[in-house]
Each structure stands twice: as C-alpha cells, then as structure tokens.
Amino acid sequence: AGAACALAAEGAGPGVARRVLPFTAGGFVYLGTVSVLPGLLRHAGPRQALRQLLALLAGLAMMAAI
C-alpha cells in the first residue's frame, strides 16, 4: 500500500512526493524491524544474528544517505 501511495503521489507534484516518500521508507523499516528481524534472530547463532543486525543498520544508513 505504501509503494502504491508513493507512486500515485509522484504525479501529484514535487511537494507531495517529498512528504509521502519518508512514510513509505518508514513502512519498510517497520516491517523489517518488527516482522522479519525477530524471526531471523531466533533461528541464528550470535555471530549470524550480529551480521544480520549490522546489515539492517547498513540498509538504514543507505536510506538516510539517499
């Protein structure tokens, strides 16, 4: 739903897209941290869990940089 809203807002003008895209990115971060990450950490050893957490943080840093 977030991606559809972002794509629909892109044609509405530059100001609208600037306000919608952070919510779209936030939705992906929320899904990654609340839904996917606990399942990954539950089935991984400590070293693998640390690598997965670092990969998530690297993804957040890339989104912030872009």
N, C-alpha and C. Protein backbone atom coordinates (compact mmCIF):
# COMPACT_ATOMS: atom_id res chain seq x y z
N ALA A 1 0.83 -1.19 0.00
CA ALA A 1 0.00 0.00 0.00
C ALA A 1 0.87 1.25 0.00
N GLY A 2 1.98 1.22 0.76
CA GLY A 2 2.88 2.38 0.81
C GLY A 2 3.52 2.67 -0.53
N ALA A 3 3.94 1.61 -1.23
CA ALA A 3 4.56 1.80 -2.54
C ALA A 3 3.54 2.35 -3.53
N ALA A 4 2.30 1.87 -3.46
CA ALA A 4 1.26 2.36 -4.36
C ALA A 4 0.97 3.84 -4.09
N CYS A 5 0.93 4.24 -2.83
CA CYS A 5 0.71 5.65 -2.48
C CYS A 5 1.86 6.52 -2.98
N ALA A 6 3.08 6.03 -2.85
CA ALA A 6 4.24 6.80 -3.30
C ALA A 6 4.21 6.98 -4.81
N LEU A 7 3.88 5.92 -5.53
CA LEU A 7 3.82 6.01 -6.98
C LEU A 7 2.68 6.93 -7.43
N ALA A 8 1.55 6.87 -6.75
CA ALA A 8 0.42 7.74 -7.09
C ALA A 8 0.74 9.20 -6.79
N ALA A 9 1.48 9.45 -5.71
CA ALA A 9 1.80 10.81 -5.30
C ALA A 9 2.87 11.43 -6.19
N GLU A 10 3.63 10.62 -6.88
CA GLU A 10 4.71 11.17 -7.72
C GLU A 10 4.16 12.07 -8.81
N GLY A 11 3.01 11.74 -9.36
CA GLY A 11 2.42 12.55 -10.40
C GLY A 11 1.69 13.78 -9.88
N ALA A 12 1.48 13.87 -8.57
CA ALA A 12 0.73 14.98 -7.99
C ALA A 12 1.57 16.24 -7.82
N GLY A 13 2.86 16.14 -7.92
CA GLY A 13 3.72 17.30 -7.77
C GLY A 13 4.90 17.01 -6.87
N PRO A 14 5.94 17.84 -6.94
CA PRO A 14 7.15 17.56 -6.17
C PRO A 14 6.95 17.69 -4.66
N GLY A 15 6.10 18.58 -4.21
CA GLY A 15 5.90 18.75 -2.77
C GLY A 15 5.21 17.57 -2.13
N VAL A 16 4.27 16.97 -2.86
CA VAL A 16 3.55 15.82 -2.32
C VAL A 16 4.46 14.62 -2.20
N ALA A 17 5.27 14.38 -3.21
CA ALA A 17 6.18 13.23 -3.17
C ALA A 17 7.18 13.35 -2.03
N ARG A 18 7.63 14.57 -1.76
CA ARG A 18 8.59 14.75 -0.66
C ARG A 18 7.99 14.42 0.69
N ARG A 19 6.68 14.56 0.84
CA ARG A 19 6.04 14.25 2.11
C ARG A 19 5.65 12.79 2.21
N VAL A 20 5.41 12.11 1.08
CA VAL A 20 4.96 10.73 1.10
C VAL A 20 6.11 9.73 1.18
N LEU A 21 7.22 10.02 0.53
CA LEU A 21 8.33 9.07 0.47
C LEU A 21 8.91 8.70 1.85
N PRO A 22 9.03 9.63 2.80
CA PRO A 22 9.52 9.20 4.12
C PRO A 22 8.59 8.20 4.80
N PHE A 23 7.29 8.34 4.61
CA PHE A 23 6.36 7.38 5.19
C PHE A 23 6.48 6.02 4.52
N THR A 24 6.74 6.01 3.23
CA THR A 24 6.93 4.76 2.51
C THR A 24 8.19 4.06 3.01
N ALA A 25 9.28 4.80 3.14
CA ALA A 25 10.52 4.21 3.65
C ALA A 25 10.34 3.74 5.09
N GLY A 26 9.62 4.51 5.88
CA GLY A 26 9.36 4.12 7.26
C GLY A 26 8.57 2.83 7.35
N GLY A 27 7.67 2.61 6.41
CA GLY A 27 6.91 1.36 6.40
C GLY A 27 7.81 0.16 6.17
N PHE A 28 8.77 0.30 5.27
CA PHE A 28 9.70 -0.80 5.03
C PHE A 28 10.60 -1.04 6.25
N VAL A 29 11.04 0.01 6.90
CA VAL A 29 11.86 -0.14 8.10
C VAL A 29 11.06 -0.81 9.21
N TYR A 30 9.79 -0.40 9.36
CA TYR A 30 8.93 -1.01 10.38
C TYR A 30 8.76 -2.50 10.12
N LEU A 31 8.47 -2.87 8.88
CA LEU A 31 8.31 -4.29 8.57
C LEU A 31 9.59 -5.07 8.83
N GLY A 32 10.72 -4.47 8.49
CA GLY A 32 11.99 -5.16 8.71
C GLY A 32 12.32 -5.37 10.17
N THR A 33 12.01 -4.38 10.99
CA THR A 33 12.39 -4.48 12.39
C THR A 33 11.37 -5.24 13.23
N VAL A 34 10.11 -5.14 12.91
CA VAL A 34 9.08 -5.75 13.75
C VAL A 34 8.69 -7.14 13.27
N SER A 35 8.63 -7.35 11.99
CA SER A 35 8.15 -8.63 11.47
C SER A 35 9.27 -9.60 11.13
N VAL A 36 10.25 -9.16 10.39
CA VAL A 36 11.25 -10.07 9.84
C VAL A 36 12.41 -10.31 10.80
N LEU A 37 12.93 -9.26 11.40
CA LEU A 37 14.14 -9.38 12.22
C LEU A 37 14.00 -10.35 13.40
N PRO A 38 12.91 -10.33 14.19
CA PRO A 38 12.83 -11.30 15.30
C PRO A 38 12.88 -12.76 14.83
N GLY A 39 12.25 -13.06 13.71
CA GLY A 39 12.32 -14.43 13.19
C GLY A 39 13.72 -14.81 12.77
N LEU A 40 14.43 -13.89 12.17
CA LEU A 40 15.81 -14.17 11.77
C LEU A 40 16.70 -14.37 12.98
N LEU A 41 16.54 -13.54 13.98
CA LEU A 41 17.39 -13.63 15.16
C LEU A 41 17.10 -14.88 15.99
N ARG A 42 15.88 -15.36 15.96
CA ARG A 42 15.50 -16.53 16.75
C ARG A 42 16.20 -17.79 16.24
N HIS A 43 16.42 -17.88 14.93
CA HIS A 43 16.98 -19.10 14.34
C HIS A 43 18.45 -18.97 13.99
N ALA A 44 19.10 -17.94 14.46
CA ALA A 44 20.50 -17.74 14.11
C ALA A 44 21.36 -17.76 15.37
N GLY A 45 22.61 -18.13 15.17
CA GLY A 45 23.55 -18.06 16.27
C GLY A 45 23.94 -16.62 16.54
N PRO A 46 24.70 -16.37 17.60
CA PRO A 46 25.05 -14.99 17.95
C PRO A 46 25.84 -14.26 16.85
N ARG A 47 26.74 -14.95 16.22
CA ARG A 47 27.55 -14.31 15.17
C ARG A 47 26.69 -13.96 13.95
N GLN A 48 25.83 -14.90 13.54
CA GLN A 48 24.93 -14.65 12.41
C GLN A 48 23.92 -13.55 12.75
N ALA A 49 23.42 -13.54 13.98
CA ALA A 49 22.47 -12.50 14.40
C ALA A 49 23.13 -11.12 14.34
N LEU A 50 24.38 -11.03 14.75
CA LEU A 50 25.10 -9.76 14.70
C LEU A 50 25.28 -9.31 13.26
N ARG A 51 25.61 -10.23 12.37
CA ARG A 51 25.76 -9.86 10.95
C ARG A 51 24.44 -9.38 10.36
N GLN A 52 23.35 -10.02 10.71
CA GLN A 52 22.05 -9.61 10.20
C GLN A 52 21.66 -8.23 10.74
N LEU A 53 21.94 -7.99 12.01
CA LEU A 53 21.65 -6.69 12.59
C LEU A 53 22.50 -5.60 11.94
N LEU A 54 23.76 -5.89 11.69
CA LEU A 54 24.63 -4.92 11.01
C LEU A 54 24.15 -4.65 9.58
N ALA A 55 23.65 -5.68 8.90
CA ALA A 55 23.11 -5.49 7.55
C ALA A 55 21.88 -4.60 7.58
N LEU A 56 21.02 -4.77 8.58
CA LEU A 56 19.84 -3.91 8.72
C LEU A 56 20.27 -2.48 8.97
N LEU A 57 21.24 -2.27 9.84
CA LEU A 57 21.71 -0.92 10.13
C LEU A 57 22.38 -0.29 8.90
N ALA A 58 23.09 -1.09 8.12
CA ALA A 58 23.69 -0.58 6.89
C ALA A 58 22.60 -0.14 5.91
N GLY A 59 21.53 -0.91 5.82
CA GLY A 59 20.42 -0.53 4.96
C GLY A 59 19.78 0.78 5.41
N LEU A 60 19.62 0.95 6.72
CA LEU A 60 19.07 2.21 7.24
C LEU A 60 20.00 3.38 6.91
N ALA A 61 21.30 3.15 7.04
CA ALA A 61 22.26 4.22 6.74
C ALA A 61 22.21 4.59 5.26
N MET A 62 22.05 3.59 4.39
CA MET A 62 21.96 3.88 2.95
C MET A 62 20.70 4.67 2.64
N MET A 63 19.59 4.30 3.27
CA MET A 63 18.34 5.06 3.03
C MET A 63 18.49 6.49 3.50
N ALA A 64 19.15 6.69 4.64
CA ALA A 64 19.35 8.04 5.15
C ALA A 64 20.26 8.85 4.22
N ALA A 65 21.27 8.18 3.65
CA ALA A 65 22.20 8.87 2.76
C ALA A 65 21.53 9.27 1.46
N ILE A 66 20.63 8.43 0.98
CA ILE A 66 19.95 8.72 -0.28
C ILE A 66 18.94 9.81 -0.04
